[in-house]
Amino acid sequence: MPGMAHSAQAELPEVSNAIEYASVSDAREALKVRPGVVFSLMNGWDIAIDEAARTVWSFSPAHYPAYPAVVKRQVLQDAGKVYIKMSVHCEASKAVCDDLVRTFADMTGLESPR
């Protein structure tokens, strides 16, 4: 899973791509009881897949600098075009949260915020 390769870059502007839960723990608990959501462990990250919503949730492990954090990636379609919407809730410092966003944007093939 992601590393912390971007830490020397400038701060990212604040965006409103927050998840629909008030905290990382709220998201994890809600997904654990949602029908059809399957959890697995990948390189220390809790991964929750909701096939019906075409969504992958990645929960950072306790040793990760941006802990606690969750990244939600959802496949959407609009006007015949398919795209990935990424939303993040990170409860760590701004610098490591920005790095988390950059890392996942790069990993997902999205334009990395600068």
PDB file of N, CA and C in Angstrom:
ATOM      1  N   MET A   1       0.840  -1.181   0.000  1.00  0.00           N
ATOM      2  CA  MET A   1       0.000   0.000   0.000  1.00  0.00           C
ATOM      3  C   MET A   1       0.883   1.242   0.000  1.00  0.00           C
ATOM      4  N   PRO A   2       0.290   2.394   0.115  1.00  0.00           N
ATOM      5  CA  PRO A   2       0.997   3.638  -0.081  1.00  0.00           C
ATOM      6  C   PRO A   2       2.144   3.866   0.893  1.00  0.00           C
ATOM      7  N   GLY A   3       3.145   4.577   0.404  1.00  0.00           N
ATOM      8  CA  GLY A   3       4.249   5.046   1.222  1.00  0.00           C
ATOM      9  C   GLY A   3       4.122   6.551   1.391  1.00  0.00           C
ATOM     10  N   MET A   4       5.146   7.159   1.890  1.00  0.00           N
ATOM     11  CA  MET A   4       5.104   8.603   2.117  1.00  0.00           C
ATOM     12  C   MET A   4       6.204   9.249   1.269  1.00  0.00           C
ATOM     13  N   ALA A   5       6.029   9.305  -0.042  1.00  0.00           N
ATOM     14  CA  ALA A   5       7.071   9.760  -0.942  1.00  0.00           C
ATOM     15  C   ALA A   5       6.998  11.237  -1.295  1.00  0.00           C
ATOM     16  N   HIS A   6       5.988  11.945  -0.873  1.00  0.00           N
ATOM     17  CA  HIS A   6       5.762  13.298  -1.352  1.00  0.00           C
ATOM     18  C   HIS A   6       5.913  14.371  -0.274  1.00  0.00           C
ATOM     19  N   SER A   7       6.455  14.077   0.866  1.00  0.00           N
ATOM     20  CA  SER A   7       6.357  14.955   2.020  1.00  0.00           C
ATOM     21  C   SER A   7       7.014  16.331   1.857  1.00  0.00           C
ATOM     22  N   ALA A   8       7.876  16.540   0.876  1.00  0.00           N
ATOM     23  CA  ALA A   8       8.529  17.834   0.719  1.00  0.00           C
ATOM     24  C   ALA A   8       7.698  18.817  -0.103  1.00  0.00           C
ATOM     25  N   GLN A   9       6.547  18.419  -0.588  1.00  0.00           N
ATOM     26  CA  GLN A   9       5.739  19.283  -1.441  1.00  0.00           C
ATOM     27  C   GLN A   9       4.906  20.258  -0.628  1.00  0.00           C
ATOM     28  N   ALA A  10       4.415  21.294  -1.329  1.00  0.00           N
ATOM     29  CA  ALA A  10       3.607  22.326  -0.690  1.00  0.00           C
ATOM     30  C   ALA A  10       2.267  21.773  -0.217  1.00  0.00           C
ATOM     31  N   GLU A  11       1.656  22.491   0.732  1.00  0.00           N
ATOM     32  CA  GLU A  11       0.333  22.096   1.229  1.00  0.00           C
ATOM     33  C   GLU A  11      -0.690  22.104   0.108  1.00  0.00           C
ATOM     34  N   LEU A  12      -1.616  21.180   0.191  1.00  0.00           N
ATOM     35  CA  LEU A  12      -2.726  21.149  -0.754  1.00  0.00           C
ATOM     36  C   LEU A  12      -3.828  22.077  -0.256  1.00  0.00           C
ATOM     37  N   PRO A  13      -4.579  22.662  -1.182  1.00  0.00           N
ATOM     38  CA  PRO A  13      -5.725  23.460  -0.742  1.00  0.00           C
ATOM     39  C   PRO A  13      -6.780  22.541  -0.139  1.00  0.00           C
ATOM     40  N   GLU A  14      -7.563  23.070   0.756  1.00  0.00           N
ATOM     41  CA  GLU A  14      -8.640  22.276   1.339  1.00  0.00           C
ATOM     42  C   GLU A  14      -9.721  22.050   0.278  1.00  0.00           C
ATOM     43  N   VAL A  15     -10.237  20.836   0.248  1.00  0.00           N
ATOM     44  CA  VAL A  15     -11.314  20.508  -0.685  1.00  0.00           C
ATOM     45  C   VAL A  15     -12.464  19.894   0.094  1.00  0.00           C
ATOM     46  N   SER A  16     -13.596  19.816  -0.542  1.00  0.00           N
ATOM     47  CA  SER A  16     -14.775  19.301   0.151  1.00  0.00           C
ATOM     48  C   SER A  16     -15.063  17.840  -0.175  1.00  0.00           C
ATOM     49  N   ASN A  17     -14.037  17.085  -0.572  1.00  0.00           N
ATOM     50  CA  ASN A  17     -14.232  15.675  -0.882  1.00  0.00           C
ATOM     51  C   ASN A  17     -14.173  14.818   0.379  1.00  0.00           C
ATOM     52  N   ALA A  18     -14.965  15.185   1.361  1.00  0.00           N
ATOM     53  CA  ALA A  18     -14.988  14.419   2.607  1.00  0.00           C
ATOM     54  C   ALA A  18     -15.969  13.255   2.464  1.00  0.00           C
ATOM     55  N   ILE A  19     -15.758  12.257   3.271  1.00  0.00           N
ATOM     56  CA  ILE A  19     -16.676  11.117   3.284  1.00  0.00           C
ATOM     57  C   ILE A  19     -17.943  11.501   4.049  1.00  0.00           C
ATOM     58  N   GLU A  20     -18.933  10.647   3.978  1.00  0.00           N
ATOM     59  CA  GLU A  20     -20.225  10.946   4.596  1.00  0.00           C
ATOM     60  C   GLU A  20     -20.295  10.605   6.085  1.00  0.00           C
ATOM     61  N   TYR A  21     -19.179  10.258   6.692  1.00  0.00           N
ATOM     62  CA  TYR A  21     -19.147   9.921   8.110  1.00  0.00           C
ATOM     63  C   TYR A  21     -18.330  10.973   8.865  1.00  0.00           C
ATOM     64  N   ALA A  22     -18.641  11.158  10.125  1.00  0.00           N
ATOM     65  CA  ALA A  22     -17.976  12.186  10.929  1.00  0.00           C
ATOM     66  C   ALA A  22     -16.539  11.833  11.294  1.00  0.00           C
ATOM     67  N   SER A  23     -16.211  10.539  11.296  1.00  0.00           N
ATOM     68  CA  SER A  23     -14.861  10.120  11.672  1.00  0.00           C
ATOM     69  C   SER A  23     -14.497   8.833  10.944  1.00  0.00           C
ATOM     70  N   VAL A  24     -13.212   8.517  10.995  1.00  0.00           N
ATOM     71  CA  VAL A  24     -12.727   7.270  10.407  1.00  0.00           C
ATOM     72  C   VAL A  24     -13.372   6.084  11.117  1.00  0.00           C
ATOM     73  N   SER A  25     -13.444   6.131  12.435  1.00  0.00           N
ATOM     74  CA  SER A  25     -14.033   5.011  13.180  1.00  0.00           C
ATOM     75  C   SER A  25     -15.527   4.859  12.878  1.00  0.00           C
ATOM     76  N   ASP A  26     -16.235   5.982  12.698  1.00  0.00           N
ATOM     77  CA  ASP A  26     -17.657   5.903  12.318  1.00  0.00           C
ATOM     78  C   ASP A  26     -17.817   5.208  10.972  1.00  0.00           C
ATOM     79  N   ALA A  27     -16.944   5.539  10.020  1.00  0.00           N
ATOM     80  CA  ALA A  27     -17.009   4.918   8.697  1.00  0.00           C
ATOM     81  C   ALA A  27     -16.769   3.414   8.798  1.00  0.00           C
ATOM     82  N   ARG A  28     -15.729   3.031   9.538  1.00  0.00           N
ATOM     83  CA  ARG A  28     -15.407   1.607   9.674  1.00  0.00           C
ATOM     84  C   ARG A  28     -16.569   0.833  10.304  1.00  0.00           C
ATOM     85  N   GLU A  29     -17.137   1.375  11.379  1.00  0.00           N
ATOM     86  CA  GLU A  29     -18.239   0.682  12.065  1.00  0.00           C
ATOM     87  C   GLU A  29     -19.478   0.583  11.180  1.00  0.00           C
ATOM     88  N   ALA A  30     -19.795   1.640  10.450  1.00  0.00           N
ATOM     89  CA  ALA A  30     -20.965   1.612   9.565  1.00  0.00           C
ATOM     90  C   ALA A  30     -20.781   0.604   8.436  1.00  0.00           C
ATOM     91  N   LEU A  31     -19.587   0.543   7.884  1.00  0.00           N
ATOM     92  CA  LEU A  31     -19.339  -0.393   6.786  1.00  0.00           C
ATOM     93  C   LEU A  31     -19.327  -1.833   7.263  1.00  0.00           C
ATOM     94  N   LYS A  32     -18.895  -2.062   8.490  1.00  0.00           N
ATOM     95  CA  LYS A  32     -18.858  -3.437   9.012  1.00  0.00           C
ATOM     96  C   LYS A  32     -20.249  -4.055   9.114  1.00  0.00           C
ATOM     97  N   VAL A  33     -21.275  -3.233   9.269  1.00  0.00           N
ATOM     98  CA  VAL A  33     -22.636  -3.774   9.382  1.00  0.00           C
ATOM     99  C   VAL A  33     -23.458  -3.581   8.102  1.00  0.00           C
ATOM    100  N   ARG A  34     -22.873  -2.944   7.099  1.00  0.00           N
ATOM    101  CA  ARG A  34     -23.596  -2.737   5.836  1.00  0.00           C
ATOM    102  C   ARG A  34     -23.617  -4.043   5.044  1.00  0.00           C
ATOM    103  N   PRO A  35     -24.799  -4.500   4.654  1.00  0.00           N
ATOM    104  CA  PRO A  35     -24.885  -5.738   3.871  1.00  0.00           C
ATOM    105  C   PRO A  35     -24.103  -5.626   2.557  1.00  0.00           C
ATOM    106  N   GLY A  36     -23.382  -6.687   2.233  1.00  0.00           N
ATOM    107  CA  GLY A  36     -22.664  -6.739   0.970  1.00  0.00           C
ATOM    108  C   GLY A  36     -21.255  -6.177   0.998  1.00  0.00           C
ATOM    109  N   VAL A  37     -20.860  -5.523   2.082  1.00  0.00           N
ATOM    110  CA  VAL A  37     -19.503  -4.972   2.175  1.00  0.00           C
ATOM    111  C   VAL A  37     -18.584  -6.068   2.708  1.00  0.00           C
ATOM    112  N   VAL A  38     -17.481  -6.287   1.991  1.00  0.00           N
ATOM    113  CA  VAL A  38     -16.531  -7.325   2.359  1.00  0.00           C
ATOM    114  C   VAL A  38     -15.209  -6.678   2.767  1.00  0.00           C
ATOM    115  N   PHE A  39     -14.735  -7.030   3.965  1.00  0.00           N
ATOM    116  CA  PHE A  39     -13.466  -6.524   4.476  1.00  0.00           C
ATOM    117  C   PHE A  39     -12.359  -7.546   4.236  1.00  0.00           C
ATOM    118  N   SER A  40     -11.169  -7.033   3.930  1.00  0.00           N
ATOM    119  CA  SER A  40      -9.981  -7.877   3.845  1.00  0.00           C
ATOM    120  C   SER A  40      -8.796  -7.040   4.324  1.00  0.00           C
ATOM    121  N   LEU A  41      -7.681  -7.703   4.536  1.00  0.00           N
ATOM    122  CA  LEU A  41      -6.466  -7.036   4.998  1.00  0.00           C
ATOM    123  C   LEU A  41      -5.437  -7.123   3.886  1.00  0.00           C
ATOM    124  N   MET A  42      -4.867  -5.964   3.496  1.00  0.00           N
ATOM    125  CA  MET A  42      -3.868  -5.939   2.441  1.00  0.00           C
ATOM    126  C   MET A  42      -2.705  -5.053   2.882  1.00  0.00           C
ATOM    127  N   ASN A  43      -1.564  -5.672   3.113  1.00  0.00           N
ATOM    128  CA  ASN A  43      -0.370  -4.944   3.559  1.00  0.00           C
ATOM    129  C   ASN A  43      -0.644  -4.089   4.792  1.00  0.00           C
ATOM    130  N   GLY A  44      -1.452  -4.593   5.706  1.00  0.00           N
ATOM    131  CA  GLY A  44      -1.761  -3.888   6.945  1.00  0.00           C
ATOM    132  C   GLY A  44      -2.957  -2.952   6.855  1.00  0.00           C
ATOM    133  N   TRP A  45      -3.434  -2.673   5.664  1.00  0.00           N
ATOM    134  CA  TRP A  45      -4.576  -1.784   5.450  1.00  0.00           C
ATOM    135  C   TRP A  45      -5.863  -2.598   5.470  1.00  0.00           C
ATOM    136  N   ASP A  46      -6.890  -2.104   6.162  1.00  0.00           N
ATOM    137  CA  ASP A  46      -8.223  -2.701   6.086  1.00  0.00           C
ATOM    138  C   ASP A  46      -8.869  -2.179   4.809  1.00  0.00           C
ATOM    139  N   ILE A  47      -9.267  -3.083   3.961  1.00  0.00           N
ATOM    140  CA  ILE A  47      -9.904  -2.723   2.696  1.00  0.00           C
ATOM    141  C   ILE A  47     -11.344  -3.210   2.748  1.00  0.00           C
ATOM    142  N   ALA A  48     -12.277  -2.297   2.521  1.00  0.00           N
ATOM    143  CA  ALA A  48     -13.702  -2.638   2.487  1.00  0.00           C
ATOM    144  C   ALA A  48     -14.194  -2.421   1.064  1.00  0.00           C
ATOM    145  N   ILE A  49     -14.747  -3.476   0.481  1.00  0.00           N
ATOM    146  CA  ILE A  49     -15.258  -3.387  -0.887  1.00  0.00           C
ATOM    147  C   ILE A  49     -16.768  -3.489  -0.858  1.00  0.00           C
ATOM    148  N   ASP A  50     -17.393  -2.484  -1.435  1.00  0.00           N
ATOM    149  CA  ASP A  50     -18.848  -2.437  -1.573  1.00  0.00           C
ATOM    150  C   ASP A  50     -19.148  -2.494  -3.065  1.00  0.00           C
ATOM    151  N   GLU A  51     -19.308  -3.715  -3.576  1.00  0.00           N
ATOM    152  CA  GLU A  51     -19.516  -3.891  -5.013  1.00  0.00           C
ATOM    153  C   GLU A  51     -20.776  -3.199  -5.501  1.00  0.00           C
ATOM    154  N   ALA A  52     -21.838  -3.246  -4.720  1.00  0.00           N
ATOM    155  CA  ALA A  52     -23.098  -2.624  -5.135  1.00  0.00           C
ATOM    156  C   ALA A  52     -22.934  -1.119  -5.367  1.00  0.00           C
ATOM    157  N   ALA A  53     -22.109  -0.479  -4.566  1.00  0.00           N
ATOM    158  CA  ALA A  53     -21.871   0.960  -4.702  1.00  0.00           C
ATOM    159  C   ALA A  53     -20.625   1.253  -5.546  1.00  0.00           C
ATOM    160  N   ARG A  54     -19.975   0.204  -6.046  1.00  0.00           N
ATOM    161  CA  ARG A  54     -18.731   0.339  -6.818  1.00  0.00           C
ATOM    162  C   ARG A  54     -17.704   1.185  -6.070  1.00  0.00           C
ATOM    163  N   THR A  55     -17.508   0.823  -4.797  1.00  0.00           N
ATOM    164  CA  THR A  55     -16.671   1.631  -3.914  1.00  0.00           C
ATOM    165  C   THR A  55     -15.654   0.770  -3.170  1.00  0.00           C
ATOM    166  N   VAL A  56     -14.433   1.299  -3.063  1.00  0.00           N
ATOM    167  CA  VAL A  56     -13.380   0.683  -2.268  1.00  0.00           C
ATOM    168  C   VAL A  56     -12.973   1.678  -1.193  1.00  0.00           C
ATOM    169  N   TRP A  57     -12.991   1.226   0.055  1.00  0.00           N
ATOM    170  CA  TRP A  57     -12.582   2.028   1.205  1.00  0.00           C
ATOM    171  C   TRP A  57     -11.258   1.459   1.715  1.00  0.00           C
ATOM    172  N   SER A  58     -10.256   2.320   1.914  1.00  0.00           N
ATOM    173  CA  SER A  58      -8.950   1.891   2.423  1.00  0.00           C
ATOM    174  C   SER A  58      -8.684   2.594   3.752  1.00  0.00           C
ATOM    175  N   PHE A  59      -8.594   1.791   4.819  1.00  0.00           N
ATOM    176  CA  PHE A  59      -8.360   2.318   6.173  1.00  0.00           C
ATOM    177  C   PHE A  59      -6.891   2.129   6.531  1.00  0.00           C
ATOM    178  N   SER A  60      -6.227   3.216   6.906  1.00  0.00           N
ATOM    179  CA  SER A  60      -4.798   3.152   7.207  1.00  0.00           C
ATOM    180  C   SER A  60      -4.533   2.327   8.464  1.00  0.00           C
ATOM    181  N   PRO A  61      -3.387   1.633   8.472  1.00  0.00           N
ATOM    182  CA  PRO A  61      -2.995   0.896   9.684  1.00  0.00           C
ATOM    183  C   PRO A  61      -2.434   1.852  10.736  1.00  0.00           C
ATOM    184  N   ALA A  62      -2.383   1.398  11.971  1.00  0.00           N
ATOM    185  CA  ALA A  62      -1.941   2.230  13.092  1.00  0.00           C
ATOM    186  C   ALA A  62      -0.512   2.738  12.927  1.00  0.00           C
ATOM    187  N   HIS A  63       0.349   2.014  12.226  1.00  0.00           N
ATOM    188  CA  HIS A  63       1.740   2.452  12.060  1.00  0.00           C
ATOM    189  C   HIS A  63       1.918   3.458  10.926  1.00  0.00           C
ATOM    190  N   TYR A  64       0.901   3.715  10.132  1.00  0.00           N
ATOM    191  CA  TYR A  64       0.999   4.623   8.986  1.00  0.00           C
ATOM    192  C   TYR A  64       0.994   6.078   9.479  1.00  0.00           C
ATOM    193  N   PRO A  65       1.841   6.949   8.934  1.00  0.00           N
ATOM    194  CA  PRO A  65       1.922   8.331   9.427  1.00  0.00           C
ATOM    195  C   PRO A  65       0.586   9.086   9.405  1.00  0.00           C
ATOM    196  N   ALA A  66      -0.307   8.784   8.457  1.00  0.00           N
ATOM    197  CA  ALA A  66      -1.578   9.510   8.356  1.00  0.00           C
ATOM    198  C   ALA A  66      -2.701   8.853   9.159  1.00  0.00           C
ATOM    199  N   TYR A  67      -2.362   7.948  10.045  1.00  0.00           N
ATOM    200  CA  TYR A  67      -3.377   7.276  10.868  1.00  0.00           C
ATOM    201  C   TYR A  67      -3.996   8.245  11.868  1.00  0.00           C
ATOM    202  N   PRO A  68      -5.280   8.183  12.102  1.00  0.00           N
ATOM    203  CA  PRO A  68      -6.283   7.387  11.384  1.00  0.00           C
ATOM    204  C   PRO A  68      -6.760   8.111  10.130  1.00  0.00           C
ATOM    205  N   ALA A  69      -6.927   7.338   9.075  1.00  0.00           N
ATOM    206  CA  ALA A  69      -7.390   7.905   7.808  1.00  0.00           C
ATOM    207  C   ALA A  69      -8.146   6.844   7.022  1.00  0.00           C
ATOM    208  N   VAL A  70      -9.042   7.316   6.171  1.00  0.00           N
ATOM    209  CA  VAL A  70      -9.738   6.431   5.245  1.00  0.00           C
ATOM    210  C   VAL A  70      -9.817   7.133   3.895  1.00  0.00           C
ATOM    211  N   VAL A  71      -9.590   6.364   2.838  1.00  0.00           N
ATOM    212  CA  VAL A  71      -9.706   6.862   1.473  1.00  0.00           C
ATOM    213  C   VAL A  71     -10.831   6.077   0.808  1.00  0.00           C
ATOM    214  N   LYS A  72     -11.786   6.816   0.272  1.00  0.00           N
ATOM    215  CA  LYS A  72     -12.933   6.219  -0.423  1.00  0.00           C
ATOM    216  C   LYS A  72     -12.747   6.480  -1.913  1.00  0.00           C
ATOM    217  N   ARG A  73     -12.731   5.409  -2.708  1.00  0.00           N
ATOM    218  CA  ARG A  73     -12.648   5.555  -4.162  1.00  0.00           C
ATOM    219  C   ARG A  73     -13.876   4.887  -4.771  1.00  0.00           C
ATOM    220  N   GLN A  74     -14.621   5.679  -5.543  1.00  0.00           N
ATOM    221  CA  GLN A  74     -15.874   5.202  -6.107  1.00  0.00           C
ATOM    222  C   GLN A  74     -15.861   5.383  -7.618  1.00  0.00           C
ATOM    223  N   VAL A  75     -16.241   4.328  -8.322  1.00  0.00           N
ATOM    224  CA  VAL A  75     -16.350   4.386  -9.774  1.00  0.00           C
ATOM    225  C   VAL A  75     -17.732   4.932 -10.109  1.00  0.00           C
ATOM    226  N   LEU A  76     -17.739   6.040 -10.872  1.00  0.00           N
ATOM    227  CA  LEU A  76     -18.989   6.696 -11.253  1.00  0.00           C
ATOM    228  C   LEU A  76     -19.049   6.850 -12.762  1.00  0.00           C
ATOM    229  N   GLN A  77     -20.246   7.075 -13.262  1.00  0.00           N
ATOM    230  CA  GLN A  77     -20.431   7.297 -14.688  1.00  0.00           C
ATOM    231  C   GLN A  77     -21.303   8.527 -14.869  1.00  0.00           C
ATOM    232  N   ASP A  78     -20.888   9.396 -15.800  1.00  0.00           N
ATOM    233  CA  ASP A  78     -21.644  10.607 -16.090  1.00  0.00           C
ATOM    234  C   ASP A  78     -21.521  10.894 -17.580  1.00  0.00           C
ATOM    235  N   ALA A  79     -22.650  11.047 -18.236  1.00  0.00           N
ATOM    236  CA  ALA A  79     -22.681  11.343 -19.675  1.00  0.00           C
ATOM    237  C   ALA A  79     -21.842  10.349 -20.475  1.00  0.00           C
ATOM    238  N   GLY A  80     -21.928   9.082 -20.097  1.00  0.00           N
ATOM    239  CA  GLY A  80     -21.223   8.042 -20.825  1.00  0.00           C
ATOM    240  C   GLY A  80     -19.748   7.910 -20.495  1.00  0.00           C
ATOM    241  N   LYS A  81     -19.243   8.736 -19.600  1.00  0.00           N
ATOM    242  CA  LYS A  81     -17.836   8.665 -19.214  1.00  0.00           C
ATOM    243  C   LYS A  81     -17.716   8.081 -17.812  1.00  0.00           C
ATOM    244  N   VAL A  82     -16.755   7.204 -17.645  1.00  0.00           N
ATOM    245  CA  VAL A  82     -16.495   6.572 -16.360  1.00  0.00           C
ATOM    246  C   VAL A  82     -15.316   7.282 -15.702  1.00  0.00           C
ATOM    247  N   TYR A  83     -15.448   7.551 -14.407  1.00  0.00           N
ATOM    248  CA  TYR A  83     -14.362   8.199 -13.682  1.00  0.00           C
ATOM    249  C   TYR A  83     -14.345   7.705 -12.244  1.00  0.00           C
ATOM    250  N   ILE A  84     -13.257   8.004 -11.550  1.00  0.00           N
ATOM    251  CA  ILE A  84     -13.105   7.622 -10.143  1.00  0.00           C
ATOM    252  C   ILE A  84     -13.163   8.883  -9.298  1.00  0.00           C
ATOM    253  N   LYS A  85     -14.060   8.877  -8.320  1.00  0.00           N
ATOM    254  CA  LYS A  85     -14.141   9.964  -7.358  1.00  0.00           C
ATOM    255  C   LYS A  85     -13.434   9.501  -6.090  1.00  0.00           C
ATOM    256  N   MET A  86     -12.488  10.286  -5.638  1.00  0.00           N
ATOM    257  CA  MET A  86     -11.753   9.955  -4.425  1.00  0.00           C
ATOM    258  C   MET A  86     -12.120  10.945  -3.335  1.00  0.00           C
ATOM    259  N   SER A  87     -12.473  10.422  -2.166  1.00  0.00           N
ATOM    260  CA  SER A  87     -12.774  11.230  -0.995  1.00  0.00           C
ATOM    261  C   SER A  87     -11.908  10.726   0.155  1.00  0.00           C
ATOM    262  N   VAL A  88     -11.487  11.640   1.017  1.00  0.00           N
ATOM    263  CA  VAL A  88     -10.565  11.282   2.094  1.00  0.00           C
ATOM    264  C   VAL A  88     -11.033  11.901   3.406  1.00  0.00           C
ATOM    265  N   HIS A  89     -10.917  11.122   4.467  1.00  0.00           N
ATOM    266  CA  HIS A  89     -11.078  11.669   5.818  1.00  0.00           C
ATOM    267  C   HIS A  89      -9.814  11.274   6.570  1.00  0.00           C
ATOM    268  N   CYS A  90      -9.037  12.277   6.942  1.00  0.00           N
ATOM    269  CA  CYS A  90      -7.753  12.043   7.600  1.00  0.00           C
ATOM    270  C   CYS A  90      -7.716  12.852   8.887  1.00  0.00           C
ATOM    271  N   GLU A  91      -7.404  12.193   9.985  1.00  0.00           N
ATOM    272  CA  GLU A  91      -7.409  12.832  11.295  1.00  0.00           C
ATOM    273  C   GLU A  91      -6.001  13.120  11.805  1.00  0.00           C
ATOM    274  N   ALA A  92      -5.004  13.029  10.936  1.00  0.00           N
ATOM    275  CA  ALA A  92      -3.616  13.314  11.311  1.00  0.00           C
ATOM    276  C   ALA A  92      -3.284  14.763  10.937  1.00  0.00           C
ATOM    277  N   SER A  93      -2.009  15.104  10.938  1.00  0.00           N
ATOM    278  CA  SER A  93      -1.591  16.471  10.606  1.00  0.00           C
ATOM    279  C   SER A  93      -1.837  16.771   9.126  1.00  0.00           C
ATOM    280  N   LYS A  94      -1.935  18.039   8.803  1.00  0.00           N
ATOM    281  CA  LYS A  94      -2.190  18.483   7.430  1.00  0.00           C
ATOM    282  C   LYS A  94      -1.125  17.946   6.479  1.00  0.00           C
ATOM    283  N   ALA A  95       0.134  17.998   6.865  1.00  0.00           N
ATOM    284  CA  ALA A  95       1.225  17.579   5.980  1.00  0.00           C
ATOM    285  C   ALA A  95       1.124  16.102   5.609  1.00  0.00           C
ATOM    286  N   VAL A  96       0.917  15.239   6.593  1.00  0.00           N
ATOM    287  CA  VAL A  96       0.846  13.808   6.265  1.00  0.00           C
ATOM    288  C   VAL A  96      -0.473  13.465   5.574  1.00  0.00           C
ATOM    289  N   CYS A  97      -1.526  14.194   5.871  1.00  0.00           N
ATOM    290  CA  CYS A  97      -2.802  13.977   5.160  1.00  0.00           C
ATOM    291  C   CYS A  97      -2.668  14.386   3.700  1.00  0.00           C
ATOM    292  N   ASP A  98      -1.990  15.501   3.437  1.00  0.00           N
ATOM    293  CA  ASP A  98      -1.743  15.911   2.056  1.00  0.00           C
ATOM    294  C   ASP A  98      -0.950  14.840   1.316  1.00  0.00           C
ATOM    295  N   ASP A  99       0.048  14.262   1.986  1.00  0.00           N
ATOM    296  CA  ASP A  99       0.844  13.222   1.351  1.00  0.00           C
ATOM    297  C   ASP A  99      -0.001  11.988   1.049  1.00  0.00           C
ATOM    298  N   LEU A 100      -0.895  11.646   1.951  1.00  0.00           N
ATOM    299  CA  LEU A 100      -1.810  10.529   1.719  1.00  0.00           C
ATOM    300  C   LEU A 100      -2.643  10.777   0.464  1.00  0.00           C
ATOM    301  N   VAL A 101      -3.179  11.982   0.325  1.00  0.00           N
ATOM    302  CA  VAL A 101      -3.989  12.325  -0.847  1.00  0.00           C
ATOM    303  C   VAL A 101      -3.159  12.190  -2.117  1.00  0.00           C
ATOM    304  N   ARG A 102      -1.940  12.731  -2.121  1.00  0.00           N
ATOM    305  CA  ARG A 102      -1.080  12.641  -3.302  1.00  0.00           C
ATOM    306  C   ARG A 102      -0.753  11.190  -3.645  1.00  0.00           C
ATOM    307  N   THR A 103      -0.438  10.413  -2.634  1.00  0.00           N
ATOM    308  CA  THR A 103      -0.065   9.019  -2.852  1.00  0.00           C
ATOM    309  C   THR A 103      -1.220   8.242  -3.477  1.00  0.00           C
ATOM    310  N   PHE A 104      -2.418   8.401  -2.936  1.00  0.00           N
ATOM    311  CA  PHE A 104      -3.568   7.684  -3.487  1.00  0.00           C
ATOM    312  C   PHE A 104      -3.955   8.209  -4.867  1.00  0.00           C
ATOM    313  N   ALA A 105      -3.822   9.502  -5.089  1.00  0.00           N
ATOM    314  CA  ALA A 105      -4.117  10.050  -6.417  1.00  0.00           C
ATOM    315  C   ALA A 105      -3.165   9.446  -7.442  1.00  0.00           C
ATOM    316  N   ASP A 106      -1.878   9.388  -7.105  1.00  0.00           N
ATOM    317  CA  ASP A 106      -0.902   8.793  -8.011  1.00  0.00           C
ATOM    318  C   ASP A 106      -1.186   7.309  -8.227  1.00  0.00           C
ATOM    319  N   MET A 107      -1.466   6.592  -7.170  1.00  0.00           N
ATOM    320  CA  MET A 107      -1.711   5.157  -7.238  1.00  0.00           C
ATOM    321  C   MET A 107      -2.971   4.845  -8.050  1.00  0.00           C
ATOM    322  N   THR A 108      -3.969   5.716  -7.971  1.00  0.00           N
ATOM    323  CA  THR A 108      -5.249   5.499  -8.642  1.00  0.00           C
ATOM    324  C   THR A 108      -5.208   5.978 -10.089  1.00  0.00           C
ATOM    325  N   GLY A 109      -4.170   6.732 -10.437  1.00  0.00           N
ATOM    326  CA  GLY A 109      -4.078   7.265 -11.787  1.00  0.00           C
ATOM    327  C   GLY A 109      -4.840   8.557 -11.971  1.00  0.00           C
ATOM    328  N   LEU A 110      -5.161   9.213 -10.846  1.00  0.00           N
ATOM    329  CA  LEU A 110      -5.830  10.497 -10.908  1.00  0.00           C
ATOM    330  C   LEU A 110      -4.780  11.588 -11.015  1.00  0.00           C
ATOM    331  N   GLU A 111      -5.179  12.741 -11.469  1.00  0.00           N
ATOM    332  CA  GLU A 111      -4.241  13.855 -11.502  1.00  0.00           C
ATOM    333  C   GLU A 111      -3.910  14.197 -10.059  1.00  0.00           C
ATOM    334  N   SER A 112      -2.630  14.135  -9.745  1.00  0.00           N
ATOM    335  CA  SER A 112      -2.200  14.393  -8.371  1.00  0.00           C
ATOM    336  C   SER A 112      -2.274  15.882  -8.064  1.00  0.00           C
ATOM    337  N   PRO A 113      -2.936  16.251  -6.975  1.00  0.00           N
ATOM    338  CA  PRO A 113      -2.989  17.660  -6.587  1.00  0.00           C
ATOM    339  C   PRO A 113      -1.575  18.158  -6.300  1.00  0.00           C
ATOM    340  N   ARG A 114      -1.302  19.393  -6.607  1.00  0.00           N
ATOM    341  CA  ARG A 114       0.038  19.956  -6.362  1.00  0.00           C
ATOM    342  C   ARG A 114      -0.047  21.125  -5.442  1.00  0.00           C
TER     343      ARG A 114
END
